[in-house]
Each structure stands twice: as structure tokens, then as C-alpha cells.
PDB file of N, CA and C in Angstrom:
ATOM      1  N   MET A   1      23.145  26.633   4.787  1.00  0.00           N
ATOM      2  CA  MET A   1      24.493  26.142   4.483  1.00  0.00           C
ATOM      3  C   MET A   1      25.158  25.341   4.549  1.00  0.00           C
ATOM      4  N   ALA A   2      25.847  25.525   3.590  1.00  0.00           N
ATOM      5  CA  ALA A   2      27.234  24.011   3.408  1.00  0.00           C
ATOM      6  C   ALA A   2      27.562  23.351   3.490  1.00  0.00           C
ATOM      7  N   ARG A   3      26.955  21.778   3.211  1.00  0.00           N
ATOM      8  CA  ARG A   3      27.676  21.138   3.698  1.00  0.00           C
ATOM      9  C   ARG A   3      29.424  20.461   3.399  1.00  0.00           C
ATOM     10  N   ILE A   4      29.703  20.402   4.697  1.00  0.00           N
ATOM     11  CA  ILE A   4      31.355  20.054   3.525  1.00  0.00           C
ATOM     12  C   ILE A   4      31.998  18.846   3.741  1.00  0.00           C
ATOM     13  N   ILE A   5      31.747  17.807   3.220  1.00  0.00           N
ATOM     14  CA  ILE A   5      32.551  16.257   2.885  1.00  0.00           C
ATOM     15  C   ILE A   5      34.291  16.524   2.363  1.00  0.00           C
ATOM     16  N   ASP A   6      34.511  16.032   3.887  1.00  0.00           N
ATOM     17  CA  ASP A   6      35.956  15.517   4.012  1.00  0.00           C
ATOM     18  C   ASP A   6      36.912  14.768   2.917  1.00  0.00           C
ATOM     19  N   SER A   7      36.075  13.453   2.128  1.00  0.00           N
ATOM     20  CA  SER A   7      36.392  12.834   1.548  1.00  0.00           C
ATOM     21  C   SER A   7      35.638  13.051  -0.160  1.00  0.00           C
ATOM     22  N   ASN A   8      36.378  12.267  -0.963  1.00  0.00           N
ATOM     23  CA  ASN A   8      35.936  12.826  -2.763  1.00  0.00           C
ATOM     24  C   ASN A   8      34.249  11.611  -2.625  1.00  0.00           C
ATOM     25  N   GLU A   9      34.132  10.811  -1.678  1.00  0.00           N
ATOM     26  CA  GLU A   9      33.313   9.965  -1.617  1.00  0.00           C
ATOM     27  C   GLU A   9      32.053  10.115  -0.780  1.00  0.00           C
ATOM     28  N   LYS A  10      30.746  10.853  -1.825  1.00  0.00           N
ATOM     29  CA  LYS A  10      29.928  11.493  -1.647  1.00  0.00           C
ATOM     30  C   LYS A  10      28.735  10.612  -1.009  1.00  0.00           C
ATOM     31  N   ASN A  11      29.101   9.262  -0.735  1.00  0.00           N
ATOM     32  CA  ASN A  11      27.969   8.278  -0.244  1.00  0.00           C
ATOM     33  C   ASN A  11      28.666   7.112   0.328  1.00  0.00           C
ATOM     34  N   LEU A  12      27.487   5.905   1.157  1.00  0.00           N
ATOM     35  CA  LEU A  12      28.314   5.139   2.060  1.00  0.00           C
ATOM     36  C   LEU A  12      27.620   3.689   1.020  1.00  0.00           C
ATOM     37  N   ILE A  13      27.356   4.055   0.015  1.00  0.00           N
ATOM     38  CA  ILE A  13      25.958   2.761  -0.397  1.00  0.00           C
ATOM     39  C   ILE A  13      26.906   1.878  -2.040  1.00  0.00           C
ATOM     40  N   GLY A  14      27.824   3.246  -2.506  1.00  0.00           N
ATOM     41  CA  GLY A  14      27.514   3.471  -4.024  1.00  0.00           C
ATOM     42  C   GLY A  14      28.600   1.496  -4.269  1.00  0.00           C
ATOM     43  N   ASN A  15      29.081   0.818  -3.557  1.00  0.00           N
ATOM     44  CA  ASN A  15      29.571  -0.261  -4.162  1.00  0.00           C
ATOM     45  C   ASN A  15      28.519  -1.016  -4.001  1.00  0.00           C
ATOM     46  N   ASN A  16      27.784  -1.603  -2.744  1.00  0.00           N
ATOM     47  CA  ASN A  16      27.209  -2.591  -2.545  1.00  0.00           C
ATOM     48  C   ASN A  16      25.363  -2.310  -3.368  1.00  0.00           C
ATOM     49  N   LEU A  17      25.399  -0.439  -4.364  1.00  0.00           N
ATOM     50  CA  LEU A  17      24.600  -0.472  -5.066  1.00  0.00           C
ATOM     51  C   LEU A  17      24.632  -1.547  -6.586  1.00  0.00           C
ATOM     52  N   LYS A  18      25.864  -1.373  -6.885  1.00  0.00           N
ATOM     53  CA  LYS A  18      25.784  -1.824  -7.692  1.00  0.00           C
ATOM     54  C   LYS A  18      26.125  -3.008  -8.503  1.00  0.00           C
ATOM     55  N   LEU A  19      26.737  -3.872  -6.657  1.00  0.00           N
ATOM     56  CA  LEU A  19      26.577  -5.961  -6.492  1.00  0.00           C
ATOM     57  C   LEU A  19      25.547  -6.528  -6.910  1.00  0.00           C
ATOM     58  N   LEU A  20      24.410  -5.048  -6.242  1.00  0.00           N
ATOM     59  CA  LEU A  20      23.438  -5.706  -5.190  1.00  0.00           C
ATOM     60  C   LEU A  20      22.543  -5.593  -6.658  1.00  0.00           C
ATOM     61  N   ARG A  21      22.380  -4.961  -7.635  1.00  0.00           N
ATOM     62  CA  ARG A  21      21.883  -4.529  -9.002  1.00  0.00           C
ATOM     63  C   ARG A  21      22.022  -5.245 -10.045  1.00  0.00           C
ATOM     64  N   LYS A  22      24.174  -5.765 -10.158  1.00  0.00           N
ATOM     65  CA  LYS A  22      24.511  -7.283 -10.716  1.00  0.00           C
ATOM     66  C   LYS A  22      23.880  -7.845 -10.766  1.00  0.00           C
ATOM     67  N   GLN A  23      23.829  -8.561  -9.270  1.00  0.00           N
ATOM     68  CA  GLN A  23      23.370  -9.698  -8.957  1.00  0.00           C
ATOM     69  C   GLN A  23      22.178  -9.854  -9.546  1.00  0.00           C
ATOM     70  N   LYS A  24      20.741  -8.792  -8.980  1.00  0.00           N
ATOM     71  CA  LYS A  24      20.052  -8.680 -10.086  1.00  0.00           C
ATOM     72  C   LYS A  24      19.367  -9.066 -11.636  1.00  0.00           C
ATOM     73  N   HIS A  25      20.927  -8.551 -11.865  1.00  0.00           N
ATOM     74  CA  HIS A  25      20.577  -8.660 -13.893  1.00  0.00           C
ATOM     75  C   HIS A  25      19.395  -7.323 -13.859  1.00  0.00           C
ATOM     76  N   ILE A  26      20.136  -6.345 -13.607  1.00  0.00           N
ATOM     77  CA  ILE A  26      19.307  -5.224 -13.880  1.00  0.00           C
ATOM     78  C   ILE A  26      20.189  -3.968 -13.765  1.00  0.00           C
ATOM     79  N   SER A  27      19.939  -3.470 -15.184  1.00  0.00           N
ATOM     80  CA  SER A  27      20.584  -2.786 -16.085  1.00  0.00           C
ATOM     81  C   SER A  27      20.493  -1.122 -15.177  1.00  0.00           C
ATOM     82  N   GLN A  28      21.162  -0.397 -15.167  1.00  0.00           N
ATOM     83  CA  GLN A  28      21.323   1.290 -14.417  1.00  0.00           C
ATOM     84  C   GLN A  28      20.042   1.993 -15.520  1.00  0.00           C
ATOM     85  N   GLN A  29      19.951   1.582 -16.729  1.00  0.00           N
ATOM     86  CA  GLN A  29      18.634   2.378 -17.073  1.00  0.00           C
ATOM     87  C   GLN A  29      17.184   1.577 -16.557  1.00  0.00           C
ATOM     88  N   GLU A  30      17.363  -0.020 -16.337  1.00  0.00           N
ATOM     89  CA  GLU A  30      15.941  -1.024 -15.767  1.00  0.00           C
ATOM     90  C   GLU A  30      15.766  -0.345 -14.595  1.00  0.00           C
ATOM     91  N   LEU A  31      16.899  -0.250 -14.015  1.00  0.00           N
ATOM     92  CA  LEU A  31      16.395   0.115 -12.263  1.00  0.00           C
ATOM     93  C   LEU A  31      16.562   1.255 -12.345  1.00  0.00           C
ATOM     94  N   SER A  32      16.843   2.572 -13.013  1.00  0.00           N
ATOM     95  CA  SER A  32      16.093   3.883 -13.204  1.00  0.00           C
ATOM     96  C   SER A  32      14.619   4.048 -13.574  1.00  0.00           C
ATOM     97  N   ASN A  33      14.446   3.001 -15.015  1.00  0.00           N
ATOM     98  CA  ASN A  33      12.824   2.843 -15.437  1.00  0.00           C
ATOM     99  C   ASN A  33      12.010   2.514 -13.873  1.00  0.00           C
ATOM    100  N   LYS A  34      12.405   1.563 -12.933  1.00  0.00           N
ATOM    101  CA  LYS A  34      11.956   1.023 -11.714  1.00  0.00           C
ATOM    102  C   LYS A  34      11.510   1.615 -10.828  1.00  0.00           C
ATOM    103  N   LEU A  35      12.547   2.775 -10.721  1.00  0.00           N
ATOM    104  CA  LEU A  35      12.081   3.752  -9.644  1.00  0.00           C
ATOM    105  C   LEU A  35      11.029   4.706 -10.153  1.00  0.00           C
ATOM    106  N   GLU A  36      11.565   5.272 -11.558  1.00  0.00           N
ATOM    107  CA  GLU A  36       9.975   5.827 -12.281  1.00  0.00           C
ATOM    108  C   GLU A  36       8.891   5.588 -11.250  1.00  0.00           C
ATOM    109  N   THR A  37       8.197   4.209 -11.290  1.00  0.00           N
ATOM    110  CA  THR A  37       7.087   3.329 -10.785  1.00  0.00           C
ATOM    111  C   THR A  37       6.835   4.112 -10.359  1.00  0.00           C
ATOM    112  N   LEU A  38       7.637   4.753  -8.542  1.00  0.00           N
ATOM    113  CA  LEU A  38       7.662   5.195  -7.676  1.00  0.00           C
ATOM    114  C   LEU A  38       8.030   6.145  -7.229  1.00  0.00           C
ATOM    115  N   ALA A  39       7.686   6.770  -8.254  1.00  0.00           N
ATOM    116  CA  ALA A  39       7.473   8.242  -8.331  1.00  0.00           C
ATOM    117  C   ALA A  39       9.088   8.575  -7.854  1.00  0.00           C
ATOM    118  N   ILE A  40      10.280   8.160  -8.443  1.00  0.00           N
ATOM    119  CA  ILE A  40      11.190   8.591  -7.603  1.00  0.00           C
ATOM    120  C   ILE A  40      12.803   8.563  -8.920  1.00  0.00           C
ATOM    121  N   TYR A  41      12.989   9.485  -9.377  1.00  0.00           N
ATOM    122  CA  TYR A  41      13.457   9.996 -10.607  1.00  0.00           C
ATOM    123  C   TYR A  41      15.203  10.138 -10.394  1.00  0.00           C
ATOM    124  N   ILE A  42      15.339   9.301 -10.515  1.00  0.00           N
ATOM    125  CA  ILE A  42      17.088   9.363 -10.462  1.00  0.00           C
ATOM    126  C   ILE A  42      17.282   8.474 -11.939  1.00  0.00           C
ATOM    127  N   CYS A  43      17.572   9.416 -13.104  1.00  0.00           N
ATOM    128  CA  CYS A  43      18.519   8.694 -14.659  1.00  0.00           C
ATOM    129  C   CYS A  43      19.515   8.051 -14.534  1.00  0.00           C
ATOM    130  N   ARG A  44      19.857   7.301 -15.296  1.00  0.00           N
ATOM    131  CA  ARG A  44      20.555   6.474 -15.390  1.00  0.00           C
ATOM    132  C   ARG A  44      22.001   6.495 -15.135  1.00  0.00           C
ATOM    133  N   GLY A  45      22.409   8.073 -15.501  1.00  0.00           N
ATOM    134  CA  GLY A  45      23.654   8.366 -15.000  1.00  0.00           C
ATOM    135  C   GLY A  45      23.770   8.964 -13.714  1.00  0.00           C
ATOM    136  N   SER A  46      22.813   8.930 -12.981  1.00  0.00           N
ATOM    137  CA  SER A  46      22.864   9.719 -11.791  1.00  0.00           C
ATOM    138  C   SER A  46      23.195   8.432 -10.951  1.00  0.00           C
ATOM    139  N   ILE A  47      22.347   7.074 -11.531  1.00  0.00           N
ATOM    140  CA  ILE A  47      22.781   5.813 -10.459  1.00  0.00           C
ATOM    141  C   ILE A  47      24.680   5.760 -11.008  1.00  0.00           C
ATOM    142  N   SER A  48      24.648   5.977 -11.963  1.00  0.00           N
ATOM    143  CA  SER A  48      25.911   5.175 -12.685  1.00  0.00           C
ATOM    144  C   SER A  48      27.186   6.548 -11.765  1.00  0.00           C
ATOM    145  N   ARG A  49      26.661   7.632 -10.751  1.00  0.00           N
ATOM    146  CA  ARG A  49      27.692   8.818  -9.762  1.00  0.00           C
ATOM    147  C   ARG A  49      27.091   8.305  -8.865  1.00  0.00           C
ATOM    148  N   ILE A  50      25.957   7.283  -8.271  1.00  0.00           N
ATOM    149  CA  ILE A  50      25.728   6.446  -6.647  1.00  0.00           C
ATOM    150  C   ILE A  50      26.431   6.612  -6.830  1.00  0.00           C
ATOM    151  N   GLU A  51      27.068   4.930  -7.956  1.00  0.00           N
ATOM    152  CA  GLU A  51      27.671   4.069  -7.963  1.00  0.00           C
ATOM    153  C   GLU A  51      29.030   4.200  -7.437  1.00  0.00           C
ATOM    154  N   ASP A  52      29.815   5.220  -7.902  1.00  0.00           N
ATOM    155  CA  ASP A  52      31.176   5.972  -8.379  1.00  0.00           C
ATOM    156  C   ASP A  52      31.890   6.670  -7.183  1.00  0.00           C
ATOM    157  N   LYS A  53      30.451   6.565  -6.265  1.00  0.00           N
ATOM    158  CA  LYS A  53      30.728   7.089  -4.843  1.00  0.00           C
ATOM    159  C   LYS A  53      30.771   8.786  -5.662  1.00  0.00           C
ATOM    160  N   SER A  54      30.562   9.863  -6.602  1.00  0.00           N
ATOM    161  CA  SER A  54      30.215  10.840  -7.093  1.00  0.00           C
ATOM    162  C   SER A  54      29.128  12.261  -6.971  1.00  0.00           C
ATOM    163  N   ARG A  55      28.204  11.028  -6.628  1.00  0.00           N
ATOM    164  CA  ARG A  55      26.819  11.551  -5.926  1.00  0.00           C
ATOM    165  C   ARG A  55      25.904  11.322  -4.457  1.00  0.00           C
ATOM    166  N   THR A  56      25.650  12.263  -3.832  1.00  0.00           N
ATOM    167  CA  THR A  56      25.429  11.898  -2.845  1.00  0.00           C
ATOM    168  C   THR A  56      23.738  10.873  -2.748  1.00  0.00           C
ATOM    169  N   VAL A  57      23.195  10.798  -1.768  1.00  0.00           N
ATOM    170  CA  VAL A  57      21.328   9.850  -2.233  1.00  0.00           C
ATOM    171  C   VAL A  57      20.403  10.187  -0.831  1.00  0.00           C
ATOM    172  N   THR A  58      19.610  10.657  -1.563  1.00  0.00           N
ATOM    173  CA  THR A  58      18.775  11.762  -0.579  1.00  0.00           C
ATOM    174  C   THR A  58      17.975  10.015   0.702  1.00  0.00           C
ATOM    175  N   ASP A  59      17.301  10.442   1.470  1.00  0.00           N
ATOM    176  CA  ASP A  59      16.783   9.658   1.765  1.00  0.00           C
ATOM    177  C   ASP A  59      15.579   8.805   0.927  1.00  0.00           C
ATOM    178  N   ILE A  60      15.029   9.395   0.183  1.00  0.00           N
ATOM    179  CA  ILE A  60      13.773   8.881  -0.292  1.00  0.00           C
ATOM    180  C   ILE A  60      13.865   8.497  -1.202  1.00  0.00           C
ATOM    181  N   GLU A  61      15.432   8.061  -2.780  1.00  0.00           N
ATOM    182  CA  GLU A  61      15.829   7.886  -3.055  1.00  0.00           C
ATOM    183  C   GLU A  61      16.177   6.458  -2.793  1.00  0.00           C
ATOM    184  N   LEU A  62      17.245   6.129  -1.258  1.00  0.00           N
ATOM    185  CA  LEU A  62      17.614   5.143  -0.158  1.00  0.00           C
ATOM    186  C   LEU A  62      16.183   3.937  -0.191  1.00  0.00           C
ATOM    187  N   TYR A  63      15.635   5.054  -0.299  1.00  0.00           N
ATOM    188  CA  TYR A  63      14.130   3.897  -0.101  1.00  0.00           C
ATOM    189  C   TYR A  63      13.439   3.308  -0.915  1.00  0.00           C
ATOM    190  N   GLY A  64      13.613   4.292  -2.067  1.00  0.00           N
ATOM    191  CA  GLY A  64      12.723   3.553  -3.221  1.00  0.00           C
ATOM    192  C   GLY A  64      13.985   2.402  -4.202  1.00  0.00           C
ATOM    193  N   LEU A  65      15.535   2.669  -4.114  1.00  0.00           N
ATOM    194  CA  LEU A  65      16.640   1.405  -4.501  1.00  0.00           C
ATOM    195  C   LEU A  65      16.049   0.029  -3.162  1.00  0.00           C
ATOM    196  N   SER A  66      16.400   0.321  -1.861  1.00  0.00           N
ATOM    197  CA  SER A  66      15.795  -0.709  -1.880  1.00  0.00           C
ATOM    198  C   SER A  66      14.154  -1.666  -2.112  1.00  0.00           C
ATOM    199  N   LYS A  67      13.261  -0.963  -2.344  1.00  0.00           N
ATOM    200  CA  LYS A  67      12.762  -1.600  -2.588  1.00  0.00           C
ATOM    201  C   LYS A  67      12.518  -2.221  -3.731  1.00  0.00           C
ATOM    202  N   VAL A  68      12.533  -1.732  -5.045  1.00  0.00           N
ATOM    203  CA  VAL A  68      12.480  -1.819  -6.177  1.00  0.00           C
ATOM    204  C   VAL A  68      14.580  -2.758  -6.147  1.00  0.00           C
ATOM    205  N   LEU A  69      15.453  -2.802  -5.100  1.00  0.00           N
ATOM    206  CA  LEU A  69      16.517  -3.932  -5.588  1.00  0.00           C
ATOM    207  C   LEU A  69      15.136  -5.331  -4.604  1.00  0.00           C
ATOM    208  N   ASN A  70      14.143  -4.770  -3.327  1.00  0.00           N
ATOM    209  CA  ASN A  70      14.155  -6.116  -3.125  1.00  0.00           C
ATOM    210  C   ASN A  70      14.521  -6.331  -1.771  1.00  0.00           C
ATOM    211  N   VAL A  71      15.120  -4.810  -1.222  1.00  0.00           N
ATOM    212  CA  VAL A  71      16.541  -5.716  -0.010  1.00  0.00           C
ATOM    213  C   VAL A  71      16.585  -4.527   0.835  1.00  0.00           C
ATOM    214  N   PRO A  72      16.252  -4.617   2.312  1.00  0.00           N
ATOM    215  CA  PRO A  72      16.207  -4.007   3.950  1.00  0.00           C
ATOM    216  C   PRO A  72      17.031  -2.958   3.124  1.00  0.00           C
ATOM    217  N   ILE A  73      17.022  -1.594   3.526  1.00  0.00           N
ATOM    218  CA  ILE A  73      17.737  -0.300   3.486  1.00  0.00           C
ATOM    219  C   ILE A  73      19.277  -0.786   3.618  1.00  0.00           C
ATOM    220  N   GLU A  74      19.533  -0.937   5.300  1.00  0.00           N
ATOM    221  CA  GLU A  74      20.421  -2.107   5.304  1.00  0.00           C
ATOM    222  C   GLU A  74      21.580  -2.525   5.411  1.00  0.00           C
ATOM    223  N   LYS A  75      21.034  -3.571   4.553  1.00  0.00           N
ATOM    224  CA  LYS A  75      21.808  -3.994   3.138  1.00  0.00           C
ATOM    225  C   LYS A  75      22.478  -3.363   3.129  1.00  0.00           C
ATOM    226  N   LEU A  76      22.448  -2.260   1.592  1.00  0.00           N
ATOM    227  CA  LEU A  76      23.022  -1.178   1.393  1.00  0.00           C
ATOM    228  C   LEU A  76      24.190  -0.697   2.111  1.00  0.00           C
ATOM    229  N   PHE A  77      23.872  -0.661   2.765  1.00  0.00           N
ATOM    230  CA  PHE A  77      24.831  -0.301   3.977  1.00  0.00           C
ATOM    231  C   PHE A  77      26.422  -1.372   4.400  1.00  0.00           C
ATOM    232  N   GLU A  78      25.903  -2.687   4.085  1.00  0.00           N
ATOM    233  CA  GLU A  78      26.765  -3.726   4.665  1.00  0.00           C
ATOM    234  C   GLU A  78      28.085  -3.521   4.252  1.00  0.00           C
ATOM    235  N   PHE A  79      29.428  -3.622   5.004  1.00  0.00           N
ATOM    236  CA  PHE A  79      30.083  -4.161   4.642  1.00  0.00           C
ATOM    237  C   PHE A  79      31.052  -5.029   3.654  1.00  0.00           C
ATOM    238  N   ASP A  80      31.700  -4.946   2.937  1.00  0.00           N
ATOM    239  CA  ASP A  80      31.989  -5.940   2.032  1.00  0.00           C
ATOM    240  C   ASP A  80      33.823  -5.978   1.902  1.00  0.00           C
ATOM    241  N   SER A  81      34.355  -7.430   2.749  1.00  0.00           N
ATOM    242  CA  SER A  81      35.177  -7.290   2.973  1.00  0.00           C
ATOM    243  C   SER A  81      36.438  -7.256   2.164  1.00  0.00           C
ATOM    244  N   LYS A  82      35.602  -8.088   0.776  1.00  0.00           N
ATOM    245  CA  LYS A  82      36.331  -7.957  -0.617  1.00  0.00           C
ATOM    246  C   LYS A  82      36.577  -6.674  -1.567  1.00  0.00           C
ATOM    247  N   GLU A  83      36.118  -5.541  -0.561  1.00  0.00           N
ATOM    248  CA  GLU A  83      36.043  -4.326  -0.993  1.00  0.00           C
ATOM    249  C   GLU A  83      37.219  -3.228  -1.157  1.00  0.00           C
ATOM    250  N   SER A  84      37.854  -3.995   0.043  1.00  0.00           N
ATOM    251  CA  SER A  84      39.462  -3.240   1.055  1.00  0.00           C
ATOM    252  C   SER A  84      40.227  -3.827   0.728  1.00  0.00           C
TER     253      SER A  84
END
């Protein structure tokens, strides 16, 4: 059965992912490469789509992103009042 998403936004972590990645001075390609060492394959273009919230994120990808960025998974979901 197909999932129905009421919004154009397909994930909750896009803004925080971009912010955390930039804080750590990692390019989208570098993030992709680091994920690959964990056997998690997200190309640079898909990272861009996650950051602009036009792509969903699997639990395995979420785990890998938290490991590579060295933050708890919860950090990817934190609300930043500057975004609103």
C-alpha cells in the first residue's frame, strides 16, 4: 500500500542535517563518501534532496547520518526557532 504524505515536505531532518553538516565543514559529497564506509549508500544528489526535504529518509540512513556527524539521532530532529 502506498503511503500518503499530506505535505510536500518528506522528512523532518532536512534543515538540521544541512546545518550540522555545514557546522562540521563537510560537503555533501564528503558526507556521501563517509556514509559509504558504513555501507550506507546515499549519493550527493540524494543528500541535497534530503536537505531540501524532497526525499524521505530510512531508519538505516538516519542511523548513519548520526554516526557520521557524531550527534545523537535526536539532534537531527531538534526544532530550531530560527527556521520558522
